[in-house]
Amino acid sequence: MSDAAVQQILDRQAITDGLHWYTRWVDLNRVDKQVEIFADDGKICFGGDVWTQGRENIHQLIAPLVAAYQATHHYITNIEITFESADEARSMCYLHAWHRPADGSEDFILYAQYHDVWVRTGEGWRIRERRLKTAGTEGRDGAGLDPIGRAD
């Protein structure tokens, strides 16, 4: 096996680990750790063309969203990673996320996908761009969320 093939296996695992630890930090309400998966100039979009860029801005966006829940539980599956170059990759994974609102309102579940662009940095693999696409929700209206693009 070539050195490049071995490196790609290691890189694939590093990206997969990043996907998993992002959701762990969400569930522990550790936004400070959660945002570390983003590149310094990384950006995120939860719907439409509204992008938030930069770790601090992403922190300010996510912190009140995560704090609105007494508990969450996120599952990442069906991870696909495609390398564009030795230092850039794209990933898509499925997301199943249960949420218990702190205000006592009805629990809801999000069925979605993360579509990410990754870049190798001095800190390791980081997300340059994340877009959430949604297949559906239970217990809450999914209006304003981008659909996954299912064919008719």
N, C-alpha and C. Protein backbone atom coordinates (compact mmCIF):
# COMPACT_ATOMS: atom_id res chain seq x y z
N MET A 1 0.85 -1.17 0.00
CA MET A 1 0.00 0.00 0.00
C MET A 1 0.89 1.24 0.00
N SER A 2 0.56 2.21 -0.82
CA SER A 2 1.38 3.41 -0.93
C SER A 2 1.22 4.31 0.30
N ASP A 3 2.21 5.18 0.49
CA ASP A 3 2.13 6.15 1.59
C ASP A 3 0.89 7.04 1.45
N ALA A 4 0.55 7.43 0.21
CA ALA A 4 -0.63 8.28 -0.03
C ALA A 4 -1.92 7.55 0.36
N ALA A 5 -1.99 6.25 0.06
CA ALA A 5 -3.19 5.47 0.42
C ALA A 5 -3.32 5.35 1.93
N VAL A 6 -2.20 5.12 2.61
CA VAL A 6 -2.23 5.04 4.07
C VAL A 6 -2.63 6.38 4.66
N GLN A 7 -2.08 7.48 4.12
CA GLN A 7 -2.44 8.81 4.62
C GLN A 7 -3.92 9.08 4.43
N GLN A 8 -4.48 8.66 3.32
CA GLN A 8 -5.91 8.90 3.08
C GLN A 8 -6.77 8.11 4.07
N ILE A 9 -6.34 6.91 4.44
CA ILE A 9 -7.07 6.14 5.46
C ILE A 9 -7.03 6.89 6.80
N LEU A 10 -5.86 7.40 7.16
CA LEU A 10 -5.73 8.17 8.40
C LEU A 10 -6.58 9.45 8.35
N ASP A 11 -6.57 10.13 7.20
CA ASP A 11 -7.36 11.35 7.04
C ASP A 11 -8.86 11.06 7.11
N ARG A 12 -9.28 9.97 6.50
CA ARG A 12 -10.69 9.57 6.53
C ARG A 12 -11.14 9.35 7.99
N GLN A 13 -10.29 8.70 8.78
CA GLN A 13 -10.63 8.46 10.18
C GLN A 13 -10.65 9.77 10.97
N ALA A 14 -9.74 10.67 10.68
CA ALA A 14 -9.72 11.96 11.38
C ALA A 14 -10.99 12.76 11.09
N ILE A 15 -11.45 12.75 9.86
CA ILE A 15 -12.68 13.45 9.50
C ILE A 15 -13.88 12.79 10.18
N THR A 16 -13.93 11.48 10.16
CA THR A 16 -15.01 10.74 10.83
C THR A 16 -15.03 11.06 12.32
N ASP A 17 -13.85 11.06 12.95
CA ASP A 17 -13.76 11.41 14.37
C ASP A 17 -14.28 12.83 14.61
N GLY A 18 -13.94 13.75 13.72
CA GLY A 18 -14.42 15.13 13.85
C GLY A 18 -15.94 15.22 13.80
N LEU A 19 -16.55 14.47 12.91
CA LEU A 19 -18.01 14.43 12.85
C LEU A 19 -18.60 13.95 14.16
N HIS A 20 -18.00 12.91 14.71
CA HIS A 20 -18.52 12.35 15.96
C HIS A 20 -18.31 13.26 17.15
N TRP A 21 -17.10 13.85 17.27
CA TRP A 21 -16.90 14.67 18.46
C TRP A 21 -17.68 15.96 18.41
N TYR A 22 -18.00 16.47 17.22
CA TYR A 22 -18.87 17.64 17.11
C TYR A 22 -20.22 17.37 17.79
N THR A 23 -20.82 16.22 17.48
CA THR A 23 -22.13 15.91 18.05
C THR A 23 -22.04 15.62 19.55
N ARG A 24 -20.95 15.01 19.98
CA ARG A 24 -20.78 14.78 21.42
C ARG A 24 -20.77 16.10 22.17
N TRP A 25 -20.04 17.09 21.66
CA TRP A 25 -19.98 18.39 22.33
C TRP A 25 -21.32 19.10 22.29
N VAL A 26 -22.10 18.92 21.21
CA VAL A 26 -23.46 19.48 21.18
C VAL A 26 -24.26 18.92 22.35
N ASP A 27 -24.25 17.59 22.49
CA ASP A 27 -25.05 16.93 23.51
C ASP A 27 -24.61 17.30 24.92
N LEU A 28 -23.37 17.68 25.10
CA LEU A 28 -22.86 18.09 26.41
C LEU A 28 -22.97 19.60 26.64
N ASN A 29 -23.58 20.32 25.66
CA ASN A 29 -23.72 21.78 25.73
C ASN A 29 -22.36 22.46 25.92
N ARG A 30 -21.39 22.00 25.15
CA ARG A 30 -20.04 22.57 25.18
C ARG A 30 -19.75 23.24 23.83
N VAL A 31 -20.44 24.32 23.60
CA VAL A 31 -20.30 25.04 22.33
C VAL A 31 -18.86 25.49 22.13
N ASP A 32 -18.16 25.81 23.22
CA ASP A 32 -16.76 26.21 23.12
C ASP A 32 -15.93 25.14 22.43
N LYS A 33 -16.22 23.86 22.72
CA LYS A 33 -15.50 22.74 22.09
C LYS A 33 -16.09 22.43 20.72
N GLN A 34 -17.40 22.54 20.60
CA GLN A 34 -18.10 22.23 19.35
C GLN A 34 -17.55 23.04 18.18
N VAL A 35 -17.32 24.32 18.39
CA VAL A 35 -16.89 25.19 17.29
C VAL A 35 -15.44 24.95 16.87
N GLU A 36 -14.69 24.20 17.68
CA GLU A 36 -13.29 23.91 17.32
C GLU A 36 -13.17 23.08 16.06
N ILE A 37 -14.25 22.42 15.62
CA ILE A 37 -14.19 21.61 14.40
C ILE A 37 -14.16 22.50 13.15
N PHE A 38 -14.49 23.77 13.30
CA PHE A 38 -14.50 24.67 12.15
C PHE A 38 -13.14 25.32 11.95
N ALA A 39 -12.78 25.52 10.68
CA ALA A 39 -11.60 26.32 10.36
C ALA A 39 -11.86 27.74 10.87
N ASP A 40 -10.80 28.50 11.09
CA ASP A 40 -10.97 29.87 11.58
C ASP A 40 -11.96 30.65 10.73
N ASP A 41 -11.93 30.45 9.42
CA ASP A 41 -12.84 31.16 8.51
C ASP A 41 -14.00 30.27 8.07
N GLY A 42 -14.23 29.18 8.80
CA GLY A 42 -15.31 28.25 8.46
C GLY A 42 -16.66 28.92 8.52
N LYS A 43 -17.62 28.30 7.83
CA LYS A 43 -18.97 28.87 7.82
C LYS A 43 -20.01 27.76 7.89
N ILE A 44 -21.23 28.15 8.34
CA ILE A 44 -22.31 27.19 8.53
C ILE A 44 -23.61 27.80 8.04
N CYS A 45 -24.48 26.92 7.51
CA CYS A 45 -25.80 27.34 7.04
C CYS A 45 -26.82 26.30 7.48
N PHE A 46 -27.83 26.75 8.22
CA PHE A 46 -28.90 25.85 8.66
C PHE A 46 -30.11 25.90 7.74
N GLY A 47 -30.13 26.82 6.78
CA GLY A 47 -31.25 26.89 5.84
C GLY A 47 -31.17 28.14 4.99
N GLY A 48 -31.69 28.03 3.76
CA GLY A 48 -31.66 29.17 2.85
C GLY A 48 -30.24 29.52 2.48
N ASP A 49 -30.01 30.78 2.27
CA ASP A 49 -28.66 31.25 1.95
C ASP A 49 -28.11 32.11 3.08
N VAL A 50 -28.50 31.79 4.31
CA VAL A 50 -28.03 32.53 5.47
C VAL A 50 -26.82 31.80 6.04
N TRP A 51 -25.65 32.37 5.79
CA TRP A 51 -24.38 31.78 6.23
C TRP A 51 -23.83 32.58 7.40
N THR A 52 -23.24 31.87 8.34
CA THR A 52 -22.53 32.50 9.45
C THR A 52 -21.08 32.05 9.33
N GLN A 53 -20.15 33.02 9.33
CA GLN A 53 -18.74 32.70 9.09
C GLN A 53 -17.86 33.12 10.25
N GLY A 54 -16.86 32.26 10.54
CA GLY A 54 -15.89 32.52 11.59
C GLY A 54 -16.30 31.83 12.88
N ARG A 55 -15.32 31.26 13.58
CA ARG A 55 -15.61 30.51 14.81
C ARG A 55 -16.41 31.31 15.83
N GLU A 56 -16.00 32.55 16.08
CA GLU A 56 -16.70 33.35 17.10
C GLU A 56 -18.15 33.60 16.69
N ASN A 57 -18.38 33.92 15.43
CA ASN A 57 -19.75 34.14 14.96
C ASN A 57 -20.57 32.85 15.01
N ILE A 58 -19.95 31.73 14.67
CA ILE A 58 -20.64 30.44 14.76
C ILE A 58 -20.98 30.14 16.21
N HIS A 59 -20.05 30.44 17.12
CA HIS A 59 -20.32 30.25 18.55
C HIS A 59 -21.54 31.07 18.97
N GLN A 60 -21.59 32.33 18.57
CA GLN A 60 -22.70 33.20 18.93
C GLN A 60 -24.01 32.71 18.34
N LEU A 61 -23.97 32.11 17.16
CA LEU A 61 -25.17 31.55 16.53
C LEU A 61 -25.65 30.30 17.27
N ILE A 62 -24.73 29.39 17.55
CA ILE A 62 -25.08 28.08 18.09
C ILE A 62 -25.39 28.10 19.58
N ALA A 63 -24.71 28.91 20.37
CA ALA A 63 -24.86 28.88 21.83
C ALA A 63 -26.31 29.00 22.29
N PRO A 64 -27.08 29.99 21.80
CA PRO A 64 -28.47 30.06 22.28
C PRO A 64 -29.34 28.91 21.76
N LEU A 65 -28.99 28.37 20.59
CA LEU A 65 -29.75 27.24 20.05
C LEU A 65 -29.57 26.01 20.94
N VAL A 66 -28.34 25.72 21.32
CA VAL A 66 -28.05 24.56 22.16
C VAL A 66 -28.61 24.78 23.57
N ALA A 67 -28.49 26.00 24.09
CA ALA A 67 -28.96 26.30 25.45
C ALA A 67 -30.48 26.19 25.58
N ALA A 68 -31.19 26.23 24.47
CA ALA A 68 -32.66 26.15 24.50
C ALA A 68 -33.15 24.75 24.84
N TYR A 69 -32.23 23.78 24.96
CA TYR A 69 -32.63 22.40 25.20
C TYR A 69 -32.12 21.90 26.53
N GLN A 70 -32.99 21.17 27.21
CA GLN A 70 -32.61 20.49 28.45
C GLN A 70 -31.66 19.34 28.13
N ALA A 71 -31.90 18.70 26.97
CA ALA A 71 -31.06 17.59 26.53
C ALA A 71 -31.20 17.42 25.02
N THR A 72 -30.12 16.92 24.42
CA THR A 72 -30.15 16.52 23.01
C THR A 72 -29.39 15.21 22.87
N HIS A 73 -29.65 14.53 21.78
CA HIS A 73 -28.93 13.29 21.50
C HIS A 73 -28.78 13.17 19.99
N HIS A 74 -27.56 13.27 19.51
CA HIS A 74 -27.27 13.28 18.07
C HIS A 74 -26.58 11.99 17.64
N TYR A 75 -26.99 11.47 16.49
CA TYR A 75 -26.39 10.28 15.91
C TYR A 75 -25.90 10.64 14.50
N ILE A 76 -24.69 10.26 14.19
CA ILE A 76 -24.11 10.44 12.85
C ILE A 76 -23.95 9.06 12.23
N THR A 77 -24.46 8.88 11.00
CA THR A 77 -24.33 7.61 10.30
C THR A 77 -24.10 7.86 8.81
N ASN A 78 -23.94 6.77 8.07
CA ASN A 78 -23.84 6.80 6.60
C ASN A 78 -22.84 7.84 6.12
N ILE A 79 -21.66 7.82 6.70
CA ILE A 79 -20.63 8.80 6.37
C ILE A 79 -20.00 8.48 5.02
N GLU A 80 -20.00 9.47 4.14
CA GLU A 80 -19.33 9.38 2.84
C GLU A 80 -18.29 10.49 2.77
N ILE A 81 -17.07 10.14 2.40
CA ILE A 81 -15.99 11.12 2.31
C ILE A 81 -15.35 10.99 0.94
N THR A 82 -15.21 12.11 0.26
CA THR A 82 -14.56 12.16 -1.05
C THR A 82 -13.43 13.18 -0.98
N PHE A 83 -12.24 12.76 -1.35
CA PHE A 83 -11.10 13.67 -1.31
C PHE A 83 -10.98 14.41 -2.62
N GLU A 84 -10.95 15.74 -2.52
CA GLU A 84 -10.77 16.60 -3.69
C GLU A 84 -9.28 16.75 -3.99
N SER A 85 -8.48 16.71 -2.93
CA SER A 85 -7.02 16.78 -3.02
C SER A 85 -6.48 16.21 -1.72
N ALA A 86 -5.18 16.26 -1.53
CA ALA A 86 -4.59 15.76 -0.29
C ALA A 86 -5.00 16.60 0.92
N ASP A 87 -5.41 17.85 0.67
CA ASP A 87 -5.72 18.76 1.76
C ASP A 87 -7.16 19.27 1.77
N GLU A 88 -8.03 18.70 0.94
CA GLU A 88 -9.44 19.10 0.92
C GLU A 88 -10.31 17.89 0.66
N ALA A 89 -11.42 17.82 1.38
CA ALA A 89 -12.35 16.70 1.23
C ALA A 89 -13.77 17.20 1.40
N ARG A 90 -14.70 16.41 0.90
CA ARG A 90 -16.12 16.66 1.11
C ARG A 90 -16.69 15.46 1.85
N SER A 91 -17.65 15.74 2.73
CA SER A 91 -18.32 14.64 3.40
C SER A 91 -19.82 14.90 3.42
N MET A 92 -20.55 13.83 3.49
CA MET A 92 -21.98 13.87 3.71
C MET A 92 -22.28 12.78 4.71
N CYS A 93 -23.08 13.09 5.70
CA CYS A 93 -23.47 12.09 6.68
C CYS A 93 -24.92 12.33 7.08
N TYR A 94 -25.54 11.27 7.56
CA TYR A 94 -26.90 11.37 8.05
C TYR A 94 -26.86 11.79 9.51
N LEU A 95 -27.87 12.55 9.90
CA LEU A 95 -28.00 13.05 11.26
C LEU A 95 -29.39 12.72 11.78
N HIS A 96 -29.44 12.08 12.93
CA HIS A 96 -30.69 11.84 13.65
C HIS A 96 -30.51 12.54 14.98
N ALA A 97 -31.32 13.56 15.25
CA ALA A 97 -31.11 14.38 16.43
C ALA A 97 -32.41 14.55 17.23
N TRP A 98 -32.39 14.04 18.45
CA TRP A 98 -33.52 14.19 19.37
C TRP A 98 -33.26 15.40 20.24
N HIS A 99 -34.32 16.18 20.50
CA HIS A 99 -34.21 17.41 21.29
C HIS A 99 -35.31 17.46 22.35
N ARG A 100 -34.94 17.77 23.58
CA ARG A 100 -35.90 18.01 24.66
C ARG A 100 -35.78 19.49 25.04
N PRO A 101 -36.77 20.31 24.65
CA PRO A 101 -36.72 21.74 24.95
C PRO A 101 -36.71 22.03 26.45
N ALA A 102 -35.94 23.02 26.85
CA ALA A 102 -35.84 23.41 28.26
C ALA A 102 -37.14 24.02 28.76
N ASP A 103 -37.96 24.56 27.85
CA ASP A 103 -39.21 25.21 28.27
C ASP A 103 -40.35 24.23 28.50
N GLY A 104 -40.09 22.92 28.37
CA GLY A 104 -41.11 21.91 28.61
C GLY A 104 -42.01 21.62 27.44
N SER A 105 -41.79 22.29 26.32
CA SER A 105 -42.60 22.01 25.14
C SER A 105 -42.24 20.63 24.58
N GLU A 106 -42.98 20.21 23.58
CA GLU A 106 -42.86 18.86 23.03
C GLU A 106 -41.45 18.57 22.48
N ASP A 107 -40.97 17.37 22.76
CA ASP A 107 -39.71 16.92 22.18
C ASP A 107 -39.84 16.91 20.66
N PHE A 108 -38.72 17.04 19.98
CA PHE A 108 -38.77 16.87 18.53
C PHE A 108 -37.52 16.15 18.03
N ILE A 109 -37.68 15.57 16.86
CA ILE A 109 -36.60 14.83 16.22
C ILE A 109 -36.34 15.43 14.85
N LEU A 110 -35.09 15.57 14.53
CA LEU A 110 -34.65 16.08 13.23
C LEU A 110 -33.98 14.95 12.47
N TYR A 111 -34.43 14.73 11.25
CA TYR A 111 -33.81 13.76 10.34
C TYR A 111 -33.15 14.58 9.24
N ALA A 112 -31.83 14.55 9.20
CA ALA A 112 -31.14 15.48 8.31
C ALA A 112 -29.81 14.91 7.81
N GLN A 113 -29.11 15.74 7.07
CA GLN A 113 -27.78 15.42 6.57
C GLN A 113 -26.89 16.64 6.78
N TYR A 114 -25.63 16.39 7.09
CA TYR A 114 -24.61 17.43 7.06
C TYR A 114 -23.84 17.27 5.76
N HIS A 115 -23.70 18.35 5.02
CA HIS A 115 -22.89 18.40 3.81
C HIS A 115 -21.72 19.33 4.13
N ASP A 116 -20.53 18.78 4.20
CA ASP A 116 -19.36 19.52 4.68
C ASP A 116 -18.24 19.56 3.65
N VAL A 117 -17.50 20.66 3.68
CA VAL A 117 -16.23 20.79 2.98
C VAL A 117 -15.17 20.89 4.06
N TRP A 118 -14.18 20.00 4.00
CA TRP A 118 -13.11 19.93 5.00
C TRP A 118 -11.81 20.42 4.40
N VAL A 119 -10.97 20.99 5.25
CA VAL A 119 -9.65 21.43 4.83
C VAL A 119 -8.64 21.04 5.90
N ARG A 120 -7.46 20.62 5.45
CA ARG A 120 -6.39 20.30 6.40
C ARG A 120 -5.77 21.62 6.87
N THR A 121 -5.67 21.79 8.18
CA THR A 121 -5.07 23.00 8.76
C THR A 121 -3.95 22.57 9.71
N GLY A 122 -3.30 23.53 10.32
CA GLY A 122 -2.29 23.24 11.32
C GLY A 122 -2.88 22.54 12.54
N GLU A 123 -4.19 22.66 12.74
CA GLU A 123 -4.88 22.00 13.85
C GLU A 123 -5.39 20.61 13.47
N GLY A 124 -5.26 20.26 12.18
CA GLY A 124 -5.83 19.01 11.68
C GLY A 124 -6.97 19.32 10.72
N TRP A 125 -7.80 18.34 10.44
CA TRP A 125 -8.93 18.53 9.53
C TRP A 125 -10.00 19.37 10.20
N ARG A 126 -10.44 20.42 9.50
CA ARG A 126 -11.46 21.32 10.01
C ARG A 126 -12.49 21.59 8.91
N ILE A 127 -13.70 21.93 9.35
CA ILE A 127 -14.79 22.22 8.41
C ILE A 127 -14.65 23.65 7.90
N ARG A 128 -14.58 23.77 6.60
CA ARG A 128 -14.58 25.09 5.97
C ARG A 128 -16.01 25.55 5.70
N GLU A 129 -16.88 24.55 5.41
CA GLU A 129 -18.27 24.88 5.06
C GLU A 129 -19.19 23.74 5.49
N ARG A 130 -20.25 24.06 6.21
CA ARG A 130 -21.24 23.06 6.62
C ARG A 130 -22.63 23.56 6.24
N ARG A 131 -23.38 22.68 5.56
CA ARG A 131 -24.78 22.97 5.22
C ARG A 131 -25.64 21.83 5.75
N LEU A 132 -26.68 22.19 6.48
CA LEU A 132 -27.65 21.22 6.97
C LEU A 132 -28.76 21.09 5.94
N LYS A 133 -29.10 19.85 5.58
CA LYS A 133 -30.23 19.58 4.69
C LYS A 133 -31.14 18.60 5.42
N THR A 134 -32.44 18.82 5.31
CA THR A 134 -33.39 18.10 6.14
C THR A 134 -34.30 17.19 5.33
N ALA A 135 -34.47 15.95 5.83
CA ALA A 135 -35.41 15.00 5.25
C ALA A 135 -36.78 15.15 5.91
N GLY A 136 -36.80 15.52 7.20
CA GLY A 136 -38.06 15.70 7.90
C GLY A 136 -37.85 15.94 9.38
N THR A 137 -38.96 16.21 10.05
CA THR A 137 -38.95 16.45 11.49
C THR A 137 -40.17 15.77 12.11
N GLU A 138 -40.10 15.51 13.39
CA GLU A 138 -41.24 15.04 14.17
C GLU A 138 -41.38 15.97 15.36
N GLY A 139 -42.61 16.43 15.62
CA GLY A 139 -42.86 17.27 16.78
C GLY A 139 -42.55 18.73 16.57
N ARG A 140 -42.21 19.11 15.37
CA ARG A 140 -41.88 20.50 15.08
C ARG A 140 -41.94 20.72 13.58
N ASP A 141 -42.30 21.92 13.20
CA ASP A 141 -42.36 22.29 11.79
C ASP A 141 -40.94 22.48 11.26
N GLY A 142 -40.65 21.92 10.10
CA GLY A 142 -39.33 22.06 9.51
C GLY A 142 -39.22 23.19 8.51
N ALA A 143 -40.19 24.13 8.55
CA ALA A 143 -40.17 25.26 7.62
C ALA A 143 -38.86 26.02 7.75
N GLY A 144 -38.33 26.44 6.62
CA GLY A 144 -37.10 27.21 6.59
C GLY A 144 -35.85 26.37 6.50
N LEU A 145 -36.00 25.05 6.65
CA LEU A 145 -34.84 24.16 6.53
C LEU A 145 -34.72 23.68 5.09
N ASP A 146 -33.50 23.57 4.59
CA ASP A 146 -33.28 23.11 3.23
C ASP A 146 -33.59 21.62 3.12
N PRO A 147 -34.31 21.22 2.07
CA PRO A 147 -34.58 19.80 1.86
C PRO A 147 -33.33 19.07 1.34
N ILE A 148 -33.32 17.75 1.50
CA ILE A 148 -32.17 16.96 1.05
C ILE A 148 -32.09 16.86 -0.47
N GLY A 149 -33.18 17.18 -1.18
CA GLY A 149 -33.15 17.15 -2.64
C GLY A 149 -33.67 15.83 -3.20
N ARG A 150 -34.60 15.23 -2.50
CA ARG A 150 -35.19 13.95 -2.93
C ARG A 150 -35.93 14.13 -4.25
N ALA A 151 -35.70 13.22 -5.18
CA ALA A 151 -36.37 13.26 -6.48
C ALA A 151 -37.85 12.94 -6.31
N ASP A 152 -38.68 13.53 -7.16
CA ASP A 152 -40.13 13.26 -7.12
C ASP A 152 -40.44 11.88 -7.64
